[in-house]
Amino acid sequence: GYECSEKRMQGSMFPTSPFVYYYDDECDIKRRAKRLKRKVADLQE
């Protein structure tokens, strides 16, 4: 499905790959958590 060139059944949905291309390490997880906290703070502000 993610390789399909036909029009999507649900026009607002984008395909996603079923494979894992990259596994996070501890630093990646901490960086993502910081970005998400910043995003929450921006939305609250």
ModelCIF file with pLDDT and N, C-alpha, C, O atoms, coordinates in Angstrom:
data_MODEL
#
_entry.id   MODEL 
#
_entity.id                         1 
_entity.type                       polymer 
_entity.pdbx_number_of_molecules   1 
#
_entity_poly.entity_id                      1 
_entity_poly.type                           'polypeptide(L)' 
_entity_poly.nstd_linkage                   no 
_entity_poly.nstd_monomer                   no 
_entity_poly.pdbx_seq_one_letter_code       GYECSEKRMQGSMFPTSPFVYYYDDECDIKRRAKRLKRKVADLQE 
_entity_poly.pdbx_seq_one_letter_code_can   GYECSEKRMQGSMFPTSPFVYYYDDECDIKRRAKRLKRKVADLQE 
_entity_poly.pdbx_strand_id                 A 
#
loop_
_entity_poly_seq.entity_id 
_entity_poly_seq.num 
_entity_poly_seq.mon_id 
_entity_poly_seq.hetero 
1 1  GLY n 
1 2  TYR n 
1 3  GLU n 
1 4  CYS n 
1 5  SER n 
1 6  GLU n 
1 7  LYS n 
1 8  ARG n 
1 9  MET n 
1 10 GLN n 
1 11 GLY n 
1 12 SER n 
1 13 MET n 
1 14 PHE n 
1 15 PRO n 
1 16 THR n 
1 17 SER n 
1 18 PRO n 
1 19 PHE n 
1 20 VAL n 
1 21 TYR n 
1 22 TYR n 
1 23 TYR n 
1 24 ASP n 
1 25 ASP n 
1 26 GLU n 
1 27 CYS n 
1 28 ASP n 
1 29 ILE n 
1 30 LYS n 
1 31 ARG n 
1 32 ARG n 
1 33 ALA n 
1 34 LYS n 
1 35 ARG n 
1 36 LEU n 
1 37 LYS n 
1 38 ARG n 
1 39 LYS n 
1 40 VAL n 
1 41 ALA n 
1 42 ASP n 
1 43 LEU n 
1 44 GLN n 
1 45 GLU n 
#
_struct_asym.id          A 
_struct_asym.entity_id   1 
#
loop_
_ma_qa_metric.id 
_ma_qa_metric.mode 
_ma_qa_metric.name 
_ma_qa_metric.software_group_id 
_ma_qa_metric.type 
1 global pLDDT . pLDDT 
2 local  pLDDT . pLDDT 
#
_ma_qa_metric_global.metric_id      1 
_ma_qa_metric_global.metric_value   79.29 
_ma_qa_metric_global.model_id       1 
_ma_qa_metric_global.ordinal_id     1 
#
loop_
_ma_qa_metric_local.label_asym_id 
_ma_qa_metric_local.label_comp_id 
_ma_qa_metric_local.label_seq_id 
_ma_qa_metric_local.metric_id 
_ma_qa_metric_local.metric_value 
_ma_qa_metric_local.model_id 
_ma_qa_metric_local.ordinal_id 
A GLY 1  2 80.00 1 1  
A TYR 2  2 79.00 1 2  
A GLU 3  2 81.00 1 3  
A CYS 4  2 83.00 1 4  
A SER 5  2 80.00 1 5  
A GLU 6  2 81.00 1 6  
A LYS 7  2 77.00 1 7  
A ARG 8  2 71.00 1 8  
A MET 9  2 61.00 1 9  
A GLN 10 2 61.00 1 10 
A GLY 11 2 60.00 1 11 
A SER 12 2 58.00 1 12 
A MET 13 2 60.00 1 13 
A PHE 14 2 63.00 1 14 
A PRO 15 2 63.00 1 15 
A THR 16 2 65.00 1 16 
A SER 17 2 70.00 1 17 
A PRO 18 2 71.00 1 18 
A PHE 19 2 75.00 1 19 
A VAL 20 2 82.00 1 20 
A TYR 21 2 79.00 1 21 
A TYR 22 2 82.00 1 22 
A TYR 23 2 87.00 1 23 
A ASP 24 2 89.00 1 24 
A ASP 25 2 87.00 1 25 
A GLU 26 2 88.00 1 26 
A CYS 27 2 90.00 1 27 
A ASP 28 2 88.00 1 28 
A ILE 29 2 88.00 1 29 
A LYS 30 2 91.00 1 30 
A ARG 31 2 90.00 1 31 
A ARG 32 2 88.00 1 32 
A ALA 33 2 90.00 1 33 
A LYS 34 2 92.00 1 34 
A ARG 35 2 86.00 1 35 
A LEU 36 2 84.00 1 36 
A LYS 37 2 89.00 1 37 
A ARG 38 2 87.00 1 38 
A LYS 39 2 82.00 1 39 
A VAL 40 2 82.00 1 40 
A ALA 41 2 85.00 1 41 
A ASP 42 2 81.00 1 42 
A LEU 43 2 77.00 1 43 
A GLN 44 2 82.00 1 44 
A GLU 45 2 83.00 1 45 
#
loop_
_atom_site.group_PDB 
_atom_site.id 
_atom_site.type_symbol 
_atom_site.label_atom_id 
_atom_site.label_alt_id 
_atom_site.label_comp_id 
_atom_site.label_asym_id 
_atom_site.label_entity_id 
_atom_site.label_seq_id 
_atom_site.pdbx_PDB_ins_code 
_atom_site.Cartn_x 
_atom_site.Cartn_y 
_atom_site.Cartn_z 
_atom_site.occupancy 
_atom_site.B_iso_or_equiv 
_atom_site.pdbx_formal_charge 
_atom_site.auth_seq_id 
_atom_site.auth_comp_id 
_atom_site.auth_asym_id 
_atom_site.auth_atom_id 
_atom_site.pdbx_PDB_model_num 
ATOM 1   N N  . GLY A 1 1  ? 0.784   -1.233 0.000  1.00 80.00 ? 1  GLY A N  1 
ATOM 2   C CA . GLY A 1 1  ? 0.000   0.000  0.000  1.00 80.00 ? 1  GLY A CA 1 
ATOM 3   C C  . GLY A 1 1  ? 0.808   1.272  0.000  1.00 80.00 ? 1  GLY A C  1 
ATOM 4   O O  . GLY A 1 1  ? 0.430   2.239  -0.661 1.00 80.00 ? 1  GLY A O  1 
ATOM 5   N N  . TYR A 1 2  ? 1.914   1.299  0.725  1.00 79.00 ? 2  TYR A N  1 
ATOM 6   C CA . TYR A 1 2  ? 2.701   2.538  0.780  1.00 79.00 ? 2  TYR A CA 1 
ATOM 7   C C  . TYR A 1 2  ? 3.404   2.824  -0.550 1.00 79.00 ? 2  TYR A C  1 
ATOM 8   O O  . TYR A 1 2  ? 3.843   3.950  -0.783 1.00 79.00 ? 2  TYR A O  1 
ATOM 9   N N  . GLU A 1 3  ? 3.515   1.813  -1.429 1.00 81.00 ? 3  GLU A N  1 
ATOM 10  C CA . GLU A 1 3  ? 4.153   1.993  -2.740 1.00 81.00 ? 3  GLU A CA 1 
ATOM 11  C C  . GLU A 1 3  ? 3.142   2.318  -3.836 1.00 81.00 ? 3  GLU A C  1 
ATOM 12  O O  . GLU A 1 3  ? 3.531   2.604  -4.968 1.00 81.00 ? 3  GLU A O  1 
ATOM 13  N N  . CYS A 1 4  ? 1.855   2.278  -3.515 1.00 83.00 ? 4  CYS A N  1 
ATOM 14  C CA . CYS A 1 4  ? 0.790   2.394  -4.510 1.00 83.00 ? 4  CYS A CA 1 
ATOM 15  C C  . CYS A 1 4  ? 0.739   3.784  -5.144 1.00 83.00 ? 4  CYS A C  1 
ATOM 16  O O  . CYS A 1 4  ? 0.863   4.799  -4.459 1.00 83.00 ? 4  CYS A O  1 
ATOM 17  N N  . SER A 1 5  ? 0.556   3.807  -6.458 1.00 80.00 ? 5  SER A N  1 
ATOM 18  C CA . SER A 1 5  ? 0.483   5.078  -7.173 1.00 80.00 ? 5  SER A CA 1 
ATOM 19  C C  . SER A 1 5  ? -0.965  5.476  -7.464 1.00 80.00 ? 5  SER A C  1 
ATOM 20  O O  . SER A 1 5  ? -1.215  6.560  -7.990 1.00 80.00 ? 5  SER A O  1 
ATOM 21  N N  . GLU A 1 6  ? -1.916  4.606  -7.127 1.00 81.00 ? 6  GLU A N  1 
ATOM 22  C CA . GLU A 1 6  ? -3.332  4.927  -7.312 1.00 81.00 ? 6  GLU A CA 1 
ATOM 23  C C  . GLU A 1 6  ? -3.760  5.989  -6.303 1.00 81.00 ? 6  GLU A C  1 
ATOM 24  O O  . GLU A 1 6  ? -3.106  6.193  -5.280 1.00 81.00 ? 6  GLU A O  1 
ATOM 25  N N  . LYS A 1 7  ? -4.871  6.663  -6.611 1.00 77.00 ? 7  LYS A N  1 
ATOM 26  C CA . LYS A 1 7  ? -5.431  7.643  -5.689 1.00 77.00 ? 7  LYS A CA 1 
ATOM 27  C C  . LYS A 1 7  ? -5.768  6.952  -4.365 1.00 77.00 ? 7  LYS A C  1 
ATOM 28  O O  . LYS A 1 7  ? -6.234  5.813  -4.353 1.00 77.00 ? 7  LYS A O  1 
ATOM 29  N N  . ARG A 1 8  ? -5.531  7.637  -3.273 1.00 71.00 ? 8  ARG A N  1 
ATOM 30  C CA . ARG A 1 8  ? -5.781  7.076  -1.941 1.00 71.00 ? 8  ARG A CA 1 
ATOM 31  C C  . ARG A 1 8  ? -7.275  6.911  -1.700 1.00 71.00 ? 8  ARG A C  1 
ATOM 32  O O  . ARG A 1 8  ? -8.086  7.727  -2.138 1.00 71.00 ? 8  ARG A O  1 
ATOM 33  N N  . MET A 1 9  ? -7.628  5.818  -0.981 1.00 61.00 ? 9  MET A N  1 
ATOM 34  C CA . MET A 1 9  ? -9.028  5.592  -0.619 1.00 61.00 ? 9  MET A CA 1 
ATOM 35  C C  . MET A 1 9  ? -9.550  6.783  0.169  1.00 61.00 ? 9  MET A C  1 
ATOM 36  O O  . MET A 1 9  ? -10.660 7.258  -0.069 1.00 61.00 ? 9  MET A O  1 
ATOM 37  N N  . GLN A 1 10 ? -8.760  7.253  1.090  1.00 61.00 ? 10 GLN A N  1 
ATOM 38  C CA . GLN A 1 10 ? -9.119  8.423  1.880  1.00 61.00 ? 10 GLN A CA 1 
ATOM 39  C C  . GLN A 1 10 ? -8.163  9.524  1.449  1.00 61.00 ? 10 GLN A C  1 
ATOM 40  O O  . GLN A 1 10 ? -6.971  9.466  1.748  1.00 61.00 ? 10 GLN A O  1 
ATOM 41  N N  . GLY A 1 11 ? -8.672  10.508 0.760  1.00 60.00 ? 11 GLY A N  1 
ATOM 42  C CA . GLY A 1 11 ? -7.834  11.543 0.168  1.00 60.00 ? 11 GLY A CA 1 
ATOM 43  C C  . GLY A 1 11 ? -6.942  12.282 1.143  1.00 60.00 ? 11 GLY A C  1 
ATOM 44  O O  . GLY A 1 11 ? -5.876  12.761 0.757  1.00 60.00 ? 11 GLY A O  1 
ATOM 45  N N  . SER A 1 12 ? -7.358  12.388 2.422  1.00 58.00 ? 12 SER A N  1 
ATOM 46  C CA . SER A 1 12 ? -6.568  13.140 3.391  1.00 58.00 ? 12 SER A CA 1 
ATOM 47  C C  . SER A 1 12 ? -5.506  12.286 4.069  1.00 58.00 ? 12 SER A C  1 
ATOM 48  O O  . SER A 1 12 ? -4.733  12.797 4.880  1.00 58.00 ? 12 SER A O  1 
ATOM 49  N N  . MET A 1 13 ? -5.455  11.006 3.754  1.00 60.00 ? 13 MET A N  1 
ATOM 50  C CA . MET A 1 13 ? -4.490  10.109 4.395  1.00 60.00 ? 13 MET A CA 1 
ATOM 51  C C  . MET A 1 13 ? -3.268  9.913  3.497  1.00 60.00 ? 13 MET A C  1 
ATOM 52  O O  . MET A 1 13 ? -3.395  9.696  2.292  1.00 60.00 ? 13 MET A O  1 
ATOM 53  N N  . PHE A 1 14 ? -2.100  9.994  4.099  1.00 63.00 ? 14 PHE A N  1 
ATOM 54  C CA . PHE A 1 14 ? -0.869  9.752  3.371  1.00 63.00 ? 14 PHE A CA 1 
ATOM 55  C C  . PHE A 1 14 ? -0.354  8.369  3.730  1.00 63.00 ? 14 PHE A C  1 
ATOM 56  O O  . PHE A 1 14 ? -0.552  7.913  4.856  1.00 63.00 ? 14 PHE A O  1 
ATOM 57  N N  . PRO A 1 15 ? 0.307   7.689  2.793  1.00 63.00 ? 15 PRO A N  1 
ATOM 58  C CA . PRO A 1 15 ? 0.832   6.361  3.105  1.00 63.00 ? 15 PRO A CA 1 
ATOM 59  C C  . PRO A 1 15 ? 2.039   6.457  4.033  1.00 63.00 ? 15 PRO A C  1 
ATOM 60  O O  . PRO A 1 15 ? 2.745   7.466  4.050  1.00 63.00 ? 15 PRO A O  1 
ATOM 61  N N  . THR A 1 16 ? 2.263   5.404  4.795  1.00 65.00 ? 16 THR A N  1 
ATOM 62  C CA . THR A 1 16 ? 3.465   5.321  5.615  1.00 65.00 ? 16 THR A CA 1 
ATOM 63  C C  . THR A 1 16 ? 4.121   3.977  5.350  1.00 65.00 ? 16 THR A C  1 
ATOM 64  O O  . THR A 1 16 ? 3.448   2.990  5.057  1.00 65.00 ? 16 THR A O  1 
ATOM 65  N N  . SER A 1 17 ? 5.411   3.952  5.455  1.00 70.00 ? 17 SER A N  1 
ATOM 66  C CA . SER A 1 17 ? 6.156   2.727  5.230  1.00 70.00 ? 17 SER A CA 1 
ATOM 67  C C  . SER A 1 17 ? 5.979   1.777  6.413  1.00 70.00 ? 17 SER A C  1 
ATOM 68  O O  . SER A 1 17 ? 5.965   2.234  7.556  1.00 70.00 ? 17 SER A O  1 
ATOM 69  N N  . PRO A 1 18 ? 5.844   0.480  6.180  1.00 71.00 ? 18 PRO A N  1 
ATOM 70  C CA . PRO A 1 18 ? 5.686   -0.466 7.290  1.00 71.00 ? 18 PRO A CA 1 
ATOM 71  C C  . PRO A 1 18 ? 7.018   -0.896 7.903  1.00 71.00 ? 18 PRO A C  1 
ATOM 72  O O  . PRO A 1 18 ? 7.030   -1.700 8.835  1.00 71.00 ? 18 PRO A O  1 
ATOM 73  N N  . PHE A 1 19 ? 8.120   -0.387 7.408  1.00 75.00 ? 19 PHE A N  1 
ATOM 74  C CA . PHE A 1 19 ? 9.437   -0.816 7.873  1.00 75.00 ? 19 PHE A CA 1 
ATOM 75  C C  . PHE A 1 19 ? 10.050  0.196  8.815  1.00 75.00 ? 19 PHE A C  1 
ATOM 76  O O  . PHE A 1 19 ? 9.700   1.376  8.779  1.00 75.00 ? 19 PHE A O  1 
ATOM 77  N N  . VAL A 1 20 ? 10.955  -0.251 9.651  1.00 82.00 ? 20 VAL A N  1 
ATOM 78  C CA . VAL A 1 20 ? 11.712  0.625  10.534 1.00 82.00 ? 20 VAL A CA 1 
ATOM 79  C C  . VAL A 1 20 ? 13.061  0.873  9.869  1.00 82.00 ? 20 VAL A C  1 
ATOM 80  O O  . VAL A 1 20 ? 13.839  -0.059 9.661  1.00 82.00 ? 20 VAL A O  1 
ATOM 81  N N  . TYR A 1 21 ? 13.333  2.129  9.538  1.00 79.00 ? 21 TYR A N  1 
ATOM 82  C CA . TYR A 1 21 ? 14.582  2.471  8.862  1.00 79.00 ? 21 TYR A CA 1 
ATOM 83  C C  . TYR A 1 21 ? 15.649  2.933  9.852  1.00 79.00 ? 21 TYR A C  1 
ATOM 84  O O  . TYR A 1 21 ? 16.845  2.861  9.568  1.00 79.00 ? 21 TYR A O  1 
ATOM 85  N N  . TYR A 1 22 ? 15.203  3.409  11.016 1.00 82.00 ? 22 TYR A N  1 
ATOM 86  C CA . TYR A 1 22 ? 16.141  3.969  11.979 1.00 82.00 ? 22 TYR A CA 1 
ATOM 87  C C  . TYR A 1 22 ? 15.654  3.670  13.390 1.00 82.00 ? 22 TYR A C  1 
ATOM 88  O O  . TYR A 1 22 ? 14.496  3.936  13.713 1.00 82.00 ? 22 TYR A O  1 
ATOM 89  N N  . TYR A 1 23 ? 16.513  3.127  14.223 1.00 87.00 ? 23 TYR A N  1 
ATOM 90  C CA . TYR A 1 23 ? 16.200  2.879  15.626 1.00 87.00 ? 23 TYR A CA 1 
ATOM 91  C C  . TYR A 1 23 ? 16.830  3.982  16.470 1.00 87.00 ? 23 TYR A C  1 
ATOM 92  O O  . TYR A 1 23 ? 18.013  4.284  16.312 1.00 87.00 ? 23 TYR A O  1 
ATOM 93  N N  . ASP A 1 24 ? 16.049  4.582  17.362 1.00 89.00 ? 24 ASP A N  1 
ATOM 94  C CA . ASP A 1 24 ? 16.535  5.663  18.214 1.00 89.00 ? 24 ASP A CA 1 
ATOM 95  C C  . ASP A 1 24 ? 17.523  5.156  19.259 1.00 89.00 ? 24 ASP A C  1 
ATOM 96  O O  . ASP A 1 24 ? 17.424  4.026  19.737 1.00 89.00 ? 24 ASP A O  1 
ATOM 97  N N  . ASP A 1 25 ? 18.470  6.013  19.600 1.00 87.00 ? 25 ASP A N  1 
ATOM 98  C CA . ASP A 1 25 ? 19.307  5.726  20.755 1.00 87.00 ? 25 ASP A CA 1 
ATOM 99  C C  . ASP A 1 25 ? 18.833  6.646  21.889 1.00 87.00 ? 25 ASP A C  1 
ATOM 100 O O  . ASP A 1 25 ? 17.880  7.404  21.706 1.00 87.00 ? 25 ASP A O  1 
ATOM 101 N N  . GLU A 1 26 ? 19.467  6.589  23.025 1.00 88.00 ? 26 GLU A N  1 
ATOM 102 C CA . GLU A 1 26 ? 19.028  7.356  24.192 1.00 88.00 ? 26 GLU A CA 1 
ATOM 103 C C  . GLU A 1 26 ? 19.042  8.865  23.924 1.00 88.00 ? 26 GLU A C  1 
ATOM 104 O O  . GLU A 1 26 ? 18.143  9.581  24.366 1.00 88.00 ? 26 GLU A O  1 
ATOM 105 N N  . CYS A 1 27 ? 20.049  9.344  23.209 1.00 90.00 ? 27 CYS A N  1 
ATOM 106 C CA . CYS A 1 27 ? 20.140  10.778 22.888 1.00 90.00 ? 27 CYS A CA 1 
ATOM 107 C C  . CYS A 1 27 ? 18.978  11.230 22.014 1.00 90.00 ? 27 CYS A C  1 
ATOM 108 O O  . CYS A 1 27 ? 18.418  12.304 22.232 1.00 90.00 ? 27 CYS A O  1 
ATOM 109 N N  . ASP A 1 28 ? 18.610  10.414 21.023 1.00 88.00 ? 28 ASP A N  1 
ATOM 110 C CA . ASP A 1 28 ? 17.477  10.746 20.142 1.00 88.00 ? 28 ASP A CA 1 
ATOM 111 C C  . ASP A 1 28 ? 16.184  10.875 20.940 1.00 88.00 ? 28 ASP A C  1 
ATOM 112 O O  . ASP A 1 28 ? 15.394  11.791 20.712 1.00 88.00 ? 28 ASP A O  1 
ATOM 113 N N  . ILE A 1 29 ? 15.975  9.959  21.870 1.00 88.00 ? 29 ILE A N  1 
ATOM 114 C CA . ILE A 1 29 ? 14.758  9.967  22.683 1.00 88.00 ? 29 ILE A CA 1 
ATOM 115 C C  . ILE A 1 29 ? 14.710  11.217 23.559 1.00 88.00 ? 29 ILE A C  1 
ATOM 116 O O  . ILE A 1 29 ? 13.657  11.842 23.680 1.00 88.00 ? 29 ILE A O  1 
ATOM 117 N N  . LYS A 1 30 ? 15.834  11.589 24.169 1.00 91.00 ? 30 LYS A N  1 
ATOM 118 C CA . LYS A 1 30 ? 15.884  12.788 25.005 1.00 91.00 ? 30 LYS A CA 1 
ATOM 119 C C  . LYS A 1 30 ? 15.670  14.054 24.174 1.00 91.00 ? 30 LYS A C  1 
ATOM 120 O O  . LYS A 1 30 ? 14.961  14.965 24.601 1.00 91.00 ? 30 LYS A O  1 
ATOM 121 N N  . ARG A 1 31 ? 16.286  14.111 22.979 1.00 90.00 ? 31 ARG A N  1 
ATOM 122 C CA . ARG A 1 31 ? 16.107  15.271 22.096 1.00 90.00 ? 31 ARG A CA 1 
ATOM 123 C C  . ARG A 1 31 ? 14.654  15.446 21.691 1.00 90.00 ? 31 ARG A C  1 
ATOM 124 O O  . ARG A 1 31 ? 14.132  16.561 21.703 1.00 90.00 ? 31 ARG A O  1 
ATOM 125 N N  . ARG A 1 32 ? 13.991  14.338 21.330 1.00 88.00 ? 32 ARG A N  1 
ATOM 126 C CA . ARG A 1 32 ? 12.585  14.406 20.927 1.00 88.00 ? 32 ARG A CA 1 
ATOM 127 C C  . ARG A 1 32 ? 11.711  14.859 22.097 1.00 88.00 ? 32 ARG A C  1 
ATOM 128 O O  . ARG A 1 32 ? 10.785  15.647 21.902 1.00 88.00 ? 32 ARG A O  1 
ATOM 129 N N  . ALA A 1 33 ? 11.989  14.377 23.296 1.00 90.00 ? 33 ALA A N  1 
ATOM 130 C CA . ALA A 1 33 ? 11.221  14.780 24.481 1.00 90.00 ? 33 ALA A CA 1 
ATOM 131 C C  . ALA A 1 33 ? 11.365  16.282 24.728 1.00 90.00 ? 33 ALA A C  1 
ATOM 132 O O  . ALA A 1 33 ? 10.385  16.944 25.070 1.00 90.00 ? 33 ALA A O  1 
ATOM 133 N N  . LYS A 1 34 ? 12.579  16.832 24.560 1.00 92.00 ? 34 LYS A N  1 
ATOM 134 C CA . LYS A 1 34 ? 12.793  18.278 24.726 1.00 92.00 ? 34 LYS A CA 1 
ATOM 135 C C  . LYS A 1 34 ? 11.990  19.073 23.700 1.00 92.00 ? 34 LYS A C  1 
ATOM 136 O O  . LYS A 1 34 ? 11.348  20.068 24.036 1.00 92.00 ? 34 LYS A O  1 
ATOM 137 N N  . ARG A 1 35 ? 12.033  18.616 22.428 1.00 86.00 ? 35 ARG A N  1 
ATOM 138 C CA . ARG A 1 35 ? 11.278  19.318 21.374 1.00 86.00 ? 35 ARG A CA 1 
ATOM 139 C C  . ARG A 1 35 ? 9.787   19.299 21.672 1.00 86.00 ? 35 ARG A C  1 
ATOM 140 O O  . ARG A 1 35 ? 9.104   20.304 21.472 1.00 86.00 ? 35 ARG A O  1 
ATOM 141 N N  . LEU A 1 36 ? 9.276   18.177 22.143 1.00 84.00 ? 36 LEU A N  1 
ATOM 142 C CA . LEU A 1 36 ? 7.847   18.072 22.445 1.00 84.00 ? 36 LEU A CA 1 
ATOM 143 C C  . LEU A 1 36 ? 7.466   18.971 23.620 1.00 84.00 ? 36 LEU A C  1 
ATOM 144 O O  . LEU A 1 36 ? 6.391   19.571 23.610 1.00 84.00 ? 36 LEU A O  1 
ATOM 145 N N  . LYS A 1 37 ? 8.325   19.073 24.624 1.00 89.00 ? 37 LYS A N  1 
ATOM 146 C CA . LYS A 1 37 ? 8.050   19.976 25.748 1.00 89.00 ? 37 LYS A CA 1 
ATOM 147 C C  . LYS A 1 37 ? 8.009   21.426 25.275 1.00 89.00 ? 37 LYS A C  1 
ATOM 148 O O  . LYS A 1 37 ? 7.163   22.207 25.711 1.00 89.00 ? 37 LYS A O  1 
ATOM 149 N N  . ARG A 1 38 ? 8.943   21.783 24.368 1.00 87.00 ? 38 ARG A N  1 
ATOM 150 C CA . ARG A 1 38 ? 8.951   23.146 23.807 1.00 87.00 ? 38 ARG A CA 1 
ATOM 151 C C  . ARG A 1 38 ? 7.670   23.407 23.027 1.00 87.00 ? 38 ARG A C  1 
ATOM 152 O O  . ARG A 1 38 ? 7.088   24.487 23.122 1.00 87.00 ? 38 ARG A O  1 
ATOM 153 N N  . LYS A 1 39 ? 7.235   22.415 22.257 1.00 82.00 ? 39 LYS A N  1 
ATOM 154 C CA . LYS A 1 39 ? 6.017   22.561 21.456 1.00 82.00 ? 39 LYS A CA 1 
ATOM 155 C C  . LYS A 1 39 ? 4.801   22.766 22.361 1.00 82.00 ? 39 LYS A C  1 
ATOM 156 O O  . LYS A 1 39 ? 3.959   23.620 22.084 1.00 82.00 ? 39 LYS A O  1 
ATOM 157 N N  . VAL A 1 40 ? 4.707   21.992 23.432 1.00 82.00 ? 40 VAL A N  1 
ATOM 158 C CA . VAL A 1 40 ? 3.604   22.134 24.388 1.00 82.00 ? 40 VAL A CA 1 
ATOM 159 C C  . VAL A 1 40 ? 3.631   23.532 25.009 1.00 82.00 ? 40 VAL A C  1 
ATOM 160 O O  . VAL A 1 40 ? 2.589   24.175 25.130 1.00 82.00 ? 40 VAL A O  1 
ATOM 161 N N  . ALA A 1 41 ? 4.817   24.003 25.402 1.00 85.00 ? 41 ALA A N  1 
ATOM 162 C CA . ALA A 1 41 ? 4.946   25.336 25.993 1.00 85.00 ? 41 ALA A CA 1 
ATOM 163 C C  . ALA A 1 41 ? 4.511   26.417 25.005 1.00 85.00 ? 41 ALA A C  1 
ATOM 164 O O  . ALA A 1 41 ? 3.821   27.362 25.387 1.00 85.00 ? 41 ALA A O  1 
ATOM 165 N N  . ASP A 1 42 ? 4.909   26.284 23.736 1.00 81.00 ? 42 ASP A N  1 
ATOM 166 C CA . ASP A 1 42 ? 4.513   27.259 22.713 1.00 81.00 ? 42 ASP A CA 1 
ATOM 167 C C  . ASP A 1 42 ? 2.996   27.280 22.535 1.00 81.00 ? 42 ASP A C  1 
ATOM 168 O O  . ASP A 1 42 ? 2.399   28.352 22.432 1.00 81.00 ? 42 ASP A O  1 
ATOM 169 N N  . LEU A 1 43 ? 2.378   26.114 22.500 1.00 77.00 ? 43 LEU A N  1 
ATOM 170 C CA . LEU A 1 43 ? 0.922   26.049 22.348 1.00 77.00 ? 43 LEU A CA 1 
ATOM 171 C C  . LEU A 1 43 ? 0.207   26.619 23.568 1.00 77.00 ? 43 LEU A C  1 
ATOM 172 O O  . LEU A 1 43 ? -0.811  27.296 23.424 1.00 77.00 ? 43 LEU A O  1 
ATOM 173 N N  . GLN A 1 44 ? 0.724   26.357 24.764 1.00 82.00 ? 44 GLN A N  1 
ATOM 174 C CA . GLN A 1 44 ? 0.117   26.907 25.974 1.00 82.00 ? 44 GLN A CA 1 
ATOM 175 C C  . GLN A 1 44 ? 0.261   28.424 26.005 1.00 82.00 ? 44 GLN A C  1 
ATOM 176 O O  . GLN A 1 44 ? -0.662  29.134 26.404 1.00 82.00 ? 44 GLN A O  1 
ATOM 177 N N  . GLU A 1 45 ? 1.423   28.914 25.584 1.00 83.00 ? 45 GLU A N  1 
ATOM 178 C CA . GLU A 1 45 ? 1.657   30.361 25.552 1.00 83.00 ? 45 GLU A CA 1 
ATOM 179 C C  . GLU A 1 45 ? 0.702   31.051 24.577 1.00 83.00 ? 45 GLU A C  1 
ATOM 180 O O  . GLU A 1 45 ? 0.754   32.271 24.420 1.00 83.00 ? 45 GLU A O  1 
#
